């Protein structure tokens, strides 16, 4: 997946500019993002503080690692069951 060119801290700062009263179109133009990107950021990071966003990122990374480990374990389990079911 393509990474954002903005960090979580920068995204939250952009969202806070809009919350402070600046027009959404002006914020988007100033930072060079589309309004769709702005609303996507708002859906994901709206209401979060910087520390909460860092924790969210850490949890997402840990979740991805755990999902990968689970998939590998399930694959190993299927292979072992297949080998055990064959008659030698």
PDB file of N, CA and C in Angstrom:
ATOM      1  N   UNK A   1       0.831  -1.167   0.000  1.00  0.00           N
ATOM      2  CA  UNK A   1       0.000   0.000   0.000  1.00  0.00           C
ATOM      3  C   UNK A   1       0.884   1.240   0.000  1.00  0.00           C
ATOM      4  N   UNK A   2       0.507   2.236  -0.772  1.00  0.00           N
ATOM      5  CA  UNK A   2       1.294   3.453  -0.871  1.00  0.00           C
ATOM      6  C   UNK A   2       1.198   4.248   0.424  1.00  0.00           C
ATOM      7  N   UNK A   3       2.316   4.711   0.892  1.00  0.00           N
ATOM      8  CA  UNK A   3       2.357   5.496   2.118  1.00  0.00           C
ATOM      9  C   UNK A   3       2.015   6.955   1.805  1.00  0.00           C
ATOM     10  N   UNK A   4       1.426   7.619   2.767  1.00  0.00           N
ATOM     11  CA  UNK A   4       1.075   9.022   2.626  1.00  0.00           C
ATOM     12  C   UNK A   4       2.342   9.865   2.635  1.00  0.00           C
ATOM     13  N   UNK A   5       2.302  10.972   1.956  1.00  0.00           N
ATOM     14  CA  UNK A   5       3.469  11.848   1.984  1.00  0.00           C
ATOM     15  C   UNK A   5       3.485  12.705   3.241  1.00  0.00           C
ATOM     16  N   UNK A   6       2.395  12.646   4.001  1.00  0.00           N
ATOM     17  CA  UNK A   6       2.296  13.369   5.259  1.00  0.00           C
ATOM     18  C   UNK A   6       2.359  12.374   6.420  1.00  0.00           C
ATOM     19  N   UNK A   7       3.005  12.802   7.504  1.00  0.00           N
ATOM     20  CA  UNK A   7       3.023  11.974   8.705  1.00  0.00           C
ATOM     21  C   UNK A   7       1.713  12.182   9.460  1.00  0.00           C
ATOM     22  N   UNK A   8       1.495  11.357  10.472  1.00  0.00           N
ATOM     23  CA  UNK A   8       0.280  11.497  11.270  1.00  0.00           C
ATOM     24  C   UNK A   8       0.204  12.878  11.919  1.00  0.00           C
ATOM     25  N   UNK A   9       1.352  13.372  12.386  1.00  0.00           N
ATOM     26  CA  UNK A   9       1.381  14.680  13.028  1.00  0.00           C
ATOM     27  C   UNK A   9       0.968  15.775  12.054  1.00  0.00           C
ATOM     28  N   UNK A  10       1.471  15.698  10.821  1.00  0.00           N
ATOM     29  CA  UNK A  10       1.128  16.697   9.813  1.00  0.00           C
ATOM     30  C   UNK A  10      -0.347  16.629   9.445  1.00  0.00           C
ATOM     31  N   UNK A  11      -0.885  15.421   9.322  1.00  0.00           N
ATOM     32  CA  UNK A  11      -2.296  15.255   8.976  1.00  0.00           C
ATOM     33  C   UNK A  11      -3.173  15.853  10.072  1.00  0.00           C
ATOM     34  N   UNK A  12      -2.836  15.594  11.323  1.00  0.00           N
ATOM     35  CA  UNK A  12      -3.615  16.134  12.431  1.00  0.00           C
ATOM     36  C   UNK A  12      -3.525  17.656  12.459  1.00  0.00           C
ATOM     37  N   UNK A  13      -2.353  18.206  12.135  1.00  0.00           N
ATOM     38  CA  UNK A  13      -2.215  19.661  12.069  1.00  0.00           C
ATOM     39  C   UNK A  13      -3.097  20.242  10.957  1.00  0.00           C
ATOM     40  N   UNK A  14      -3.163  19.564   9.817  1.00  0.00           N
ATOM     41  CA  UNK A  14      -4.025  20.009   8.710  1.00  0.00           C
ATOM     42  C   UNK A  14      -5.478  20.005   9.154  1.00  0.00           C
ATOM     43  N   UNK A  15      -5.895  18.936   9.820  1.00  0.00           N
ATOM     44  CA  UNK A  15      -7.278  18.845  10.295  1.00  0.00           C
ATOM     45  C   UNK A  15      -7.589  19.924  11.325  1.00  0.00           C
ATOM     46  N   UNK A  16      -6.629  20.243  12.185  1.00  0.00           N
ATOM     47  CA  UNK A  16      -6.849  21.279  13.199  1.00  0.00           C
ATOM     48  C   UNK A  16      -6.968  22.655  12.560  1.00  0.00           C
ATOM     49  N   UNK A  17      -6.276  22.894  11.438  1.00  0.00           N
ATOM     50  CA  UNK A  17      -6.429  24.159  10.726  1.00  0.00           C
ATOM     51  C   UNK A  17      -7.870  24.339  10.273  1.00  0.00           C
ATOM     52  N   UNK A  18      -8.449  23.291   9.734  1.00  0.00           N
ATOM     53  CA  UNK A  18      -9.828  23.365   9.265  1.00  0.00           C
ATOM     54  C   UNK A  18     -10.782  23.527  10.436  1.00  0.00           C
ATOM     55  N   UNK A  19     -10.514  22.842  11.536  1.00  0.00           N
ATOM     56  CA  UNK A  19     -11.363  22.962  12.715  1.00  0.00           C
ATOM     57  C   UNK A  19     -11.296  24.359  13.322  1.00  0.00           C
ATOM     58  N   UNK A  20     -10.179  25.056  13.134  1.00  0.00           N
ATOM     59  CA  UNK A  20     -10.008  26.400  13.687  1.00  0.00           C
ATOM     60  C   UNK A  20     -10.815  27.443  12.915  1.00  0.00           C
ATOM     61  N   UNK A  21     -11.400  27.056  11.790  1.00  0.00           N
ATOM     62  CA  UNK A  21     -12.250  27.984  11.068  1.00  0.00           C
ATOM     63  C   UNK A  21     -11.841  28.244   9.634  1.00  0.00           C
ATOM     64  N   UNK A  22     -10.723  27.724   9.199  1.00  0.00           N
ATOM     65  CA  UNK A  22     -10.288  27.912   7.823  1.00  0.00           C
ATOM     66  C   UNK A  22     -11.153  27.053   6.897  1.00  0.00           C
ATOM     67  N   UNK A  23     -11.455  27.557   5.737  1.00  0.00           N
ATOM     68  CA  UNK A  23     -12.294  26.823   4.794  1.00  0.00           C
ATOM     69  C   UNK A  23     -11.572  25.572   4.301  1.00  0.00           C
ATOM     70  N   UNK A  24     -12.346  24.518   4.085  1.00  0.00           N
ATOM     71  CA  UNK A  24     -11.764  23.244   3.660  1.00  0.00           C
ATOM     72  C   UNK A  24     -11.025  23.392   2.330  1.00  0.00           C
ATOM     73  N   UNK A  25     -11.615  24.118   1.406  1.00  0.00           N
ATOM     74  CA  UNK A  25     -10.972  24.307   0.099  1.00  0.00           C
ATOM     75  C   UNK A  25      -9.640  25.033   0.241  1.00  0.00           C
ATOM     76  N   UNK A  26      -9.575  26.018   1.139  1.00  0.00           N
ATOM     77  CA  UNK A  26      -8.323  26.748   1.359  1.00  0.00           C
ATOM     78  C   UNK A  26      -7.250  25.857   1.977  1.00  0.00           C
ATOM     79  N   UNK A  27      -7.658  25.031   2.924  1.00  0.00           N
ATOM     80  CA  UNK A  27      -6.710  24.107   3.562  1.00  0.00           C
ATOM     81  C   UNK A  27      -6.160  23.128   2.527  1.00  0.00           C
ATOM     82  N   UNK A  28      -7.054  22.598   1.689  1.00  0.00           N
ATOM     83  CA  UNK A  28      -6.628  21.639   0.668  1.00  0.00           C
ATOM     84  C   UNK A  28      -5.671  22.280  -0.326  1.00  0.00           C
ATOM     85  N   UNK A  29      -5.992  23.480  -0.751  1.00  0.00           N
ATOM     86  CA  UNK A  29      -5.142  24.182  -1.719  1.00  0.00           C
ATOM     87  C   UNK A  29      -3.789  24.505  -1.109  1.00  0.00           C
ATOM     88  N   UNK A  30      -3.776  24.920   0.145  1.00  0.00           N
ATOM     89  CA  UNK A  30      -2.530  25.293   0.811  1.00  0.00           C
ATOM     90  C   UNK A  30      -1.578  24.109   0.946  1.00  0.00           C
ATOM     91  N   UNK A  31      -2.131  22.923   1.200  1.00  0.00           N
ATOM     92  CA  UNK A  31      -1.287  21.742   1.424  1.00  0.00           C
ATOM     93  C   UNK A  31      -1.175  20.849   0.198  1.00  0.00           C
ATOM     94  N   UNK A  32      -1.872  21.201  -0.874  1.00  0.00           N
ATOM     95  CA  UNK A  32      -1.746  20.442  -2.117  1.00  0.00           C
ATOM     96  C   UNK A  32      -2.404  19.082  -2.078  1.00  0.00           C
ATOM     97  N   UNK A  33      -3.566  18.994  -1.420  1.00  0.00           N
ATOM     98  CA  UNK A  33      -4.296  17.731  -1.377  1.00  0.00           C
ATOM     99  C   UNK A  33      -5.691  17.947  -1.938  1.00  0.00           C
ATOM    100  N   UNK A  34      -6.315  16.877  -2.369  1.00  0.00           N
ATOM    101  CA  UNK A  34      -7.683  16.990  -2.870  1.00  0.00           C
ATOM    102  C   UNK A  34      -8.653  16.981  -1.691  1.00  0.00           C
ATOM    103  N   UNK A  35      -9.876  17.415  -1.970  1.00  0.00           N
ATOM    104  CA  UNK A  35     -10.868  17.420  -0.892  1.00  0.00           C
ATOM    105  C   UNK A  35     -11.217  15.988  -0.483  1.00  0.00           C
ATOM    106  N   UNK A  36     -11.164  15.045  -1.437  1.00  0.00           N
ATOM    107  CA  UNK A  36     -11.425  13.636  -1.100  1.00  0.00           C
ATOM    108  C   UNK A  36     -10.372  13.116  -0.129  1.00  0.00           C
ATOM    109  N   UNK A  37      -9.123  13.483  -0.355  1.00  0.00           N
ATOM    110  CA  UNK A  37      -8.050  13.073   0.549  1.00  0.00           C
ATOM    111  C   UNK A  37      -8.254  13.696   1.923  1.00  0.00           C
ATOM    112  N   UNK A  38      -8.651  14.967   1.939  1.00  0.00           N
ATOM    113  CA  UNK A  38      -8.904  15.635   3.211  1.00  0.00           C
ATOM    114  C   UNK A  38      -9.976  14.906   3.995  1.00  0.00           C
ATOM    115  N   UNK A  39     -11.085  14.548   3.347  1.00  0.00           N
ATOM    116  CA  UNK A  39     -12.171  13.881   4.056  1.00  0.00           C
ATOM    117  C   UNK A  39     -11.798  12.457   4.459  1.00  0.00           C
ATOM    118  N   UNK A  40     -10.917  11.821   3.686  1.00  0.00           N
ATOM    119  CA  UNK A  40     -10.413  10.502   4.081  1.00  0.00           C
ATOM    120  C   UNK A  40      -9.561  10.620   5.344  1.00  0.00           C
ATOM    121  N   UNK A  41      -8.702  11.640   5.386  1.00  0.00           N
ATOM    122  CA  UNK A  41      -7.909  11.895   6.583  1.00  0.00           C
ATOM    123  C   UNK A  41      -8.818  12.199   7.766  1.00  0.00           C
ATOM    124  N   UNK A  42      -9.866  12.980   7.524  1.00  0.00           N
ATOM    125  CA  UNK A  42     -10.771  13.353   8.593  1.00  0.00           C
ATOM    126  C   UNK A  42     -11.500  12.137   9.157  1.00  0.00           C
ATOM    127  N   UNK A  43     -11.863  11.202   8.280  1.00  0.00           N
ATOM    128  CA  UNK A  43     -12.537   9.994   8.740  1.00  0.00           C
ATOM    129  C   UNK A  43     -11.611   9.134   9.593  1.00  0.00           C
ATOM    130  N   UNK A  44     -10.343   9.102   9.237  1.00  0.00           N
ATOM    131  CA  UNK A  44      -9.405   8.252   9.962  1.00  0.00           C
ATOM    132  C   UNK A  44      -8.842   8.926  11.209  1.00  0.00           C
ATOM    133  N   UNK A  45      -8.467  10.205  11.109  1.00  0.00           N
ATOM    134  CA  UNK A  45      -7.757  10.881  12.194  1.00  0.00           C
ATOM    135  C   UNK A  45      -8.579  11.962  12.887  1.00  0.00           C
ATOM    136  N   UNK A  46      -9.822  12.152  12.512  1.00  0.00           N
ATOM    137  CA  UNK A  46     -10.632  13.203  13.111  1.00  0.00           C
ATOM    138  C   UNK A  46     -10.814  12.986  14.600  1.00  0.00           C
ATOM    139  N   UNK A  47     -10.503  13.997  15.390  1.00  0.00           N
ATOM    140  CA  UNK A  47     -10.668  13.902  16.832  1.00  0.00           C
ATOM    141  C   UNK A  47      -9.507  13.260  17.564  1.00  0.00           C
ATOM    142  N   UNK A  48      -8.489  12.811  16.843  1.00  0.00           N
ATOM    143  CA  UNK A  48      -7.333  12.175  17.489  1.00  0.00           C
ATOM    144  C   UNK A  48      -6.263  13.206  17.815  1.00  0.00           C
ATOM    145  N   UNK A  49      -5.535  12.931  18.857  1.00  0.00           N
ATOM    146  CA  UNK A  49      -4.342  13.707  19.168  1.00  0.00           C
ATOM    147  C   UNK A  49      -3.138  12.966  18.587  1.00  0.00           C
ATOM    148  N   UNK A  50      -1.998  13.616  18.577  1.00  0.00           N
ATOM    149  CA  UNK A  50      -0.794  13.032  17.978  1.00  0.00           C
ATOM    150  C   UNK A  50      -0.403  11.725  18.664  1.00  0.00           C
ATOM    151  N   UNK A  51      -0.471  11.696  19.984  1.00  0.00           N
ATOM    152  CA  UNK A  51      -0.077  10.478  20.717  1.00  0.00           C
ATOM    153  C   UNK A  51      -1.039   9.330  20.408  1.00  0.00           C
ATOM    154  N   UNK A  52      -2.320   9.653  20.267  1.00  0.00           N
ATOM    155  CA  UNK A  52      -3.296   8.623  19.932  1.00  0.00           C
ATOM    156  C   UNK A  52      -3.061   8.088  18.518  1.00  0.00           C
ATOM    157  N   UNK A  53      -2.665   8.958  17.600  1.00  0.00           N
ATOM    158  CA  UNK A  53      -2.390   8.529  16.231  1.00  0.00           C
ATOM    159  C   UNK A  53      -1.169   7.610  16.191  1.00  0.00           C
ATOM    160  N   UNK A  54      -0.154   7.925  16.981  1.00  0.00           N
ATOM    161  CA  UNK A  54       1.031   7.054  17.049  1.00  0.00           C
ATOM    162  C   UNK A  54       0.653   5.684  17.604  1.00  0.00           C
ATOM    163  N   UNK A  55      -0.183   5.684  18.625  1.00  0.00           N
ATOM    164  CA  UNK A  55      -0.625   4.407  19.212  1.00  0.00           C
ATOM    165  C   UNK A  55      -1.448   3.614  18.205  1.00  0.00           C
ATOM    166  N   UNK A  56      -2.294   4.300  17.456  1.00  0.00           N
ATOM    167  CA  UNK A  56      -3.085   3.640  16.418  1.00  0.00           C
ATOM    168  C   UNK A  56      -2.177   2.993  15.381  1.00  0.00           C
ATOM    169  N   UNK A  57      -1.150   3.690  14.951  1.00  0.00           N
ATOM    170  CA  UNK A  57      -0.207   3.147  13.975  1.00  0.00           C
ATOM    171  C   UNK A  57       0.499   1.917  14.530  1.00  0.00           C
ATOM    172  N   UNK A  58       0.923   1.983  15.792  1.00  0.00           N
ATOM    173  CA  UNK A  58       1.607   0.851  16.415  1.00  0.00           C
ATOM    174  C   UNK A  58       0.680  -0.359  16.508  1.00  0.00           C
ATOM    175  N   UNK A  59      -0.568  -0.119  16.867  1.00  0.00           N
ATOM    176  CA  UNK A  59      -1.526  -1.222  16.955  1.00  0.00           C
ATOM    177  C   UNK A  59      -1.818  -1.827  15.590  1.00  0.00           C
ATOM    178  N   UNK A  60      -1.910  -0.988  14.556  1.00  0.00           N
ATOM    179  CA  UNK A  60      -2.138  -1.505  13.207  1.00  0.00           C
ATOM    180  C   UNK A  60      -0.968  -2.358  12.740  1.00  0.00           C
ATOM    181  N   UNK A  61       0.256  -1.921  13.043  1.00  0.00           N
ATOM    182  CA  UNK A  61       1.439  -2.698  12.667  1.00  0.00           C
ATOM    183  C   UNK A  61       1.465  -4.034  13.397  1.00  0.00           C
ATOM    184  N   UNK A  62       1.172  -4.008  14.698  1.00  0.00           N
ATOM    185  CA  UNK A  62       1.160  -5.241  15.474  1.00  0.00           C
ATOM    186  C   UNK A  62       0.072  -6.191  14.976  1.00  0.00           C
ATOM    187  N   UNK A  63      -1.079  -5.643  14.631  1.00  0.00           N
ATOM    188  CA  UNK A  63      -2.181  -6.454  14.119  1.00  0.00           C
ATOM    189  C   UNK A  63      -1.798  -7.118  12.797  1.00  0.00           C
ATOM    190  N   UNK A  64      -1.109  -6.394  11.923  1.00  0.00           N
ATOM    191  CA  UNK A  64      -0.680  -6.971  10.653  1.00  0.00           C
ATOM    192  C   UNK A  64       0.297  -8.126  10.876  1.00  0.00           C
ATOM    193  N   UNK A  65       1.222  -7.966  11.821  1.00  0.00           N
ATOM    194  CA  UNK A  65       2.176  -9.033  12.123  1.00  0.00           C
ATOM    195  C   UNK A  65       1.464 -10.269  12.665  1.00  0.00           C
ATOM    196  N   UNK A  66       0.504 -10.046  13.561  1.00  0.00           N
ATOM    197  CA  UNK A  66      -0.229 -11.173  14.144  1.00  0.00           C
ATOM    198  C   UNK A  66      -1.068 -11.894  13.096  1.00  0.00           C
ATOM    199  N   UNK A  67      -1.675 -11.155  12.183  1.00  0.00           N
ATOM    200  CA  UNK A  67      -2.450 -11.779  11.114  1.00  0.00           C
ATOM    201  C   UNK A  67      -1.557 -12.627  10.220  1.00  0.00           C
ATOM    202  N   UNK A  68      -0.365 -12.140   9.940  1.00  0.00           N
ATOM    203  CA  UNK A  68       0.582 -12.895   9.112  1.00  0.00           C
ATOM    204  C   UNK A  68       1.003 -14.184   9.821  1.00  0.00           C
ATOM    205  N   UNK A  69       1.297 -14.089  11.126  1.00  0.00           N
ATOM    206  CA  UNK A  69       1.672 -15.276  11.893  1.00  0.00           C
ATOM    207  C   UNK A  69       0.535 -16.298  11.932  1.00  0.00           C
ATOM    208  N   UNK A  70      -0.689 -15.820  12.099  1.00  0.00           N
ATOM    209  CA  UNK A  70      -1.841 -16.717  12.126  1.00  0.00           C
ATOM    210  C   UNK A  70      -2.025 -17.414  10.784  1.00  0.00           C
ATOM    211  N   UNK A  71      -1.877 -16.673   9.689  1.00  0.00           N
ATOM    212  CA  UNK A  71      -2.023 -17.271   8.361  1.00  0.00           C
ATOM    213  C   UNK A  71      -0.969 -18.352   8.126  1.00  0.00           C
ATOM    214  N   UNK A  72       0.265 -18.081   8.545  1.00  0.00           N
ATOM    215  CA  UNK A  72       1.327 -19.072   8.386  1.00  0.00           C
ATOM    216  C   UNK A  72       1.046 -20.316   9.228  1.00  0.00           C
ATOM    217  N   UNK A  73       0.566 -20.122  10.445  1.00  0.00           N
ATOM    218  CA  UNK A  73       0.270 -21.262  11.317  1.00  0.00           C
ATOM    219  C   UNK A  73      -0.873 -22.089  10.749  1.00  0.00           C
ATOM    220  N   UNK A  74      -1.884 -21.436  10.207  1.00  0.00           N
ATOM    221  CA  UNK A  74      -3.008 -22.157   9.615  1.00  0.00           C
ATOM    222  C   UNK A  74      -2.559 -22.939   8.381  1.00  0.00           C
ATOM    223  N   UNK A  75      -1.669 -22.357   7.593  1.00  0.00           N
ATOM    224  CA  UNK A  75      -1.146 -23.049   6.417  1.00  0.00           C
ATOM    225  C   UNK A  75      -0.349 -24.282   6.827  1.00  0.00           C
ATOM    226  N   UNK A  76       0.487 -24.137   7.853  1.00  0.00           N
ATOM    227  CA  UNK A  76       1.243 -25.286   8.361  1.00  0.00           C
ATOM    228  C   UNK A  76       0.305 -26.377   8.857  1.00  0.00           C
ATOM    229  N   UNK A  77      -0.754 -25.984   9.527  1.00  0.00           N
ATOM    230  CA  UNK A  77      -1.732 -26.929  10.044  1.00  0.00           C
ATOM    231  C   UNK A  77      -2.401 -27.705   8.916  1.00  0.00           C
ATOM    232  N   UNK A  78      -2.769 -27.021   7.843  1.00  0.00           N
ATOM    233  CA  UNK A  78      -3.399 -27.683   6.704  1.00  0.00           C
ATOM    234  C   UNK A  78      -2.440 -28.673   6.056  1.00  0.00           C
ATOM    235  N   UNK A  79      -1.187 -28.291   5.915  1.00  0.00           N
ATOM    236  CA  UNK A  79      -0.193 -29.175   5.308  1.00  0.00           C
ATOM    237  C   UNK A  79       0.004 -30.420   6.168  1.00  0.00           C
ATOM    238  N   UNK A  80       0.084 -30.254   7.477  1.00  0.00           N
ATOM    239  CA  UNK A  80       0.272 -31.399   8.365  1.00  0.00           C
ATOM    240  C   UNK A  80      -0.936 -32.331   8.345  1.00  0.00           C
ATOM    241  N   UNK A  81      -2.138 -31.769   8.302  1.00  0.00           N
ATOM    242  CA  UNK A  81      -3.336 -32.602   8.216  1.00  0.00           C
ATOM    243  C   UNK A  81      -3.366 -33.367   6.898  1.00  0.00           C
ATOM    244  N   UNK A  82      -2.940 -32.720   5.834  1.00  0.00           N
ATOM    245  CA  UNK A  82      -2.909 -33.375   4.518  1.00  0.00           C
ATOM    246  C   UNK A  82      -1.915 -34.537   4.525  1.00  0.00           C
ATOM    247  N   UNK A  83      -0.749 -34.317   5.108  1.00  0.00           N
ATOM    248  CA  UNK A  83       0.253 -35.385   5.175  1.00  0.00           C
ATOM    249  C   UNK A  83      -0.206 -36.525   6.077  1.00  0.00           C
ATOM    250  N   UNK A  84      -0.888 -36.217   7.163  1.00  0.00           N
ATOM    251  CA  UNK A  84      -1.339 -37.243   8.088  1.00  0.00           C
ATOM    252  C   UNK A  84      -2.467 -38.084   7.502  1.00  0.00           C
ATOM    253  N   UNK A  85      -3.256 -37.508   6.619  1.00  0.00           N
ATOM    254  CA  UNK A  85      -4.385 -38.236   6.051  1.00  0.00           C
ATOM    255  C   UNK A  85      -3.970 -39.179   4.933  1.00  0.00           C
ATOM    256  N   UNK A  86      -2.809 -38.980   4.357  1.00  0.00           N
ATOM    257  CA  UNK A  86      -2.344 -39.866   3.278  1.00  0.00           C
ATOM    258  C   UNK A  86      -1.882 -41.194   3.857  1.00  0.00           C
ATOM    259  N   UNK A  87      -2.140 -42.249   3.111  1.00  0.00           N
ATOM    260  CA  UNK A  87      -1.685 -43.572   3.536  1.00  0.00           C
ATOM    261  C   UNK A  87      -0.300 -43.812   2.940  1.00  0.00           C
ATOM    262  N   UNK A  88       0.580 -44.338   3.762  1.00  0.00           N
ATOM    263  CA  UNK A  88       1.945 -44.578   3.300  1.00  0.00           C
ATOM    264  C   UNK A  88       2.009 -45.986   2.855  1.00  0.00           C
TER     265      UNK A  88
END
